[in-house]
Amino acid sequence: MKIEKKTTPEFFKEIKSGKKTFEVRLADWKCKEGDVLVLREWDPKNKVYTGRVLEKRVGYVLKTKDLKFFSEKDIKKYGFQVIALK
């Protein structure tokens, strides 16, 4: 399945270059391994699409509402990191 999502110019550039190899999104839509994310560059200042588009195949998907590996105190203090592995 193809799924269209907006992405800002700064992230579009990093994805296009190959440096950014992950996405962090609110899990308010369904996504599974093998789907294709169609990332449309969105200009937030002018509130328009730029016309640039990338398509990326979805690999691994982690959906969670809570990670019990860490204490709430530590989560509030440090937050989370999303780390891409090569």
Protein backbone atom coordinates (compact mmCIF):
# COMPACT_ATOMS: atom_id res chain seq x y z
CA MET A 1 0.00 0.00 0.00
CA LYS A 2 1.16 3.57 -0.68
CA ILE A 3 0.73 6.06 2.15
CA GLU A 4 1.20 9.79 1.59
CA LYS A 5 2.64 11.97 4.36
CA LYS A 6 3.99 15.52 4.61
CA THR A 7 7.60 16.16 5.53
CA THR A 8 9.34 19.46 6.15
CA PRO A 9 12.19 20.70 3.91
CA GLU A 10 14.86 20.00 6.55
CA PHE A 11 13.81 16.35 6.93
CA PHE A 12 13.16 15.93 3.19
CA LYS A 13 16.77 16.96 2.51
CA GLU A 14 18.14 14.50 5.11
CA ILE A 15 16.01 11.62 3.80
CA LYS A 16 16.91 12.37 0.18
CA SER A 17 20.64 12.39 1.01
CA GLY A 18 20.32 9.02 2.76
CA LYS A 19 21.43 10.40 6.13
CA LYS A 20 17.98 10.09 7.78
CA THR A 21 16.85 6.47 7.54
CA PHE A 22 13.92 6.47 9.95
CA GLU A 23 10.62 8.24 10.61
CA VAL A 24 8.94 9.06 13.91
CA ARG A 25 5.21 9.51 13.47
CA LEU A 26 2.11 9.53 15.59
CA ALA A 27 0.56 6.06 15.23
CA ASP A 28 -2.85 7.40 14.19
CA TRP A 29 -2.71 5.49 10.88
CA LYS A 30 -1.83 1.95 9.84
CA CYS A 31 1.57 1.12 8.40
CA LYS A 32 3.25 -2.23 7.89
CA GLU A 33 6.45 -3.70 6.53
CA GLY A 34 6.48 -3.52 2.73
CA ASP A 35 4.24 -0.44 2.46
CA VAL A 36 5.59 2.58 0.61
CA LEU A 37 5.74 5.98 2.27
CA VAL A 38 5.23 8.74 -0.25
CA LEU A 39 6.86 11.72 1.43
CA ARG A 40 5.71 15.04 0.00
CA GLU A 41 7.80 18.06 0.92
CA TRP A 42 5.67 20.66 2.74
CA ASP A 43 6.67 24.30 3.12
CA PRO A 44 5.31 25.27 6.57
CA LYS A 45 5.94 29.00 6.07
CA ASN A 46 3.81 29.26 2.93
CA LYS A 47 1.59 26.28 3.79
CA VAL A 48 2.02 24.64 0.38
CA TYR A 49 3.59 21.51 -1.08
CA THR A 50 6.84 22.22 -2.94
CA GLY A 51 6.24 19.54 -5.57
CA ARG A 52 9.19 17.40 -4.45
CA VAL A 53 8.32 13.81 -3.58
CA LEU A 54 10.26 10.79 -2.26
CA GLU A 55 9.07 7.19 -2.07
CA LYS A 56 10.57 4.93 0.61
CA ARG A 57 9.71 1.30 1.34
CA VAL A 58 8.84 0.58 4.97
CA GLY A 59 11.12 -1.88 6.77
CA TYR A 60 10.61 -2.44 10.47
CA VAL A 61 7.67 -0.81 12.30
CA LEU A 62 7.58 -0.41 16.08
CA LYS A 63 4.26 0.73 17.53
CA THR A 64 3.95 1.36 21.23
CA LYS A 65 2.01 3.38 23.72
CA ASP A 66 4.45 2.77 26.49
CA LEU A 67 7.90 1.40 26.93
CA LYS A 68 8.24 -0.23 30.32
CA PHE A 69 12.01 -0.51 30.03
CA PHE A 70 12.46 2.86 31.72
CA SER A 71 11.05 4.59 34.79
CA GLU A 72 8.62 7.50 34.32
CA LYS A 73 11.08 9.69 36.19
CA ASP A 74 13.84 8.93 33.66
CA ILE A 75 11.47 9.36 30.70
CA LYS A 76 10.42 12.80 31.96
CA LYS A 77 14.06 13.76 32.57
CA TYR A 78 15.63 12.43 29.35
CA GLY A 79 12.84 11.63 26.84
CA PHE A 80 13.39 9.06 24.10
CA GLN A 81 15.82 8.72 21.19
CA VAL A 82 15.04 6.94 17.94
CA ILE A 83 18.19 5.32 16.60
CA ALA A 84 18.59 4.00 13.07
CA LEU A 85 20.87 1.01 12.59
CA LYS A 86 22.87 0.33 9.42
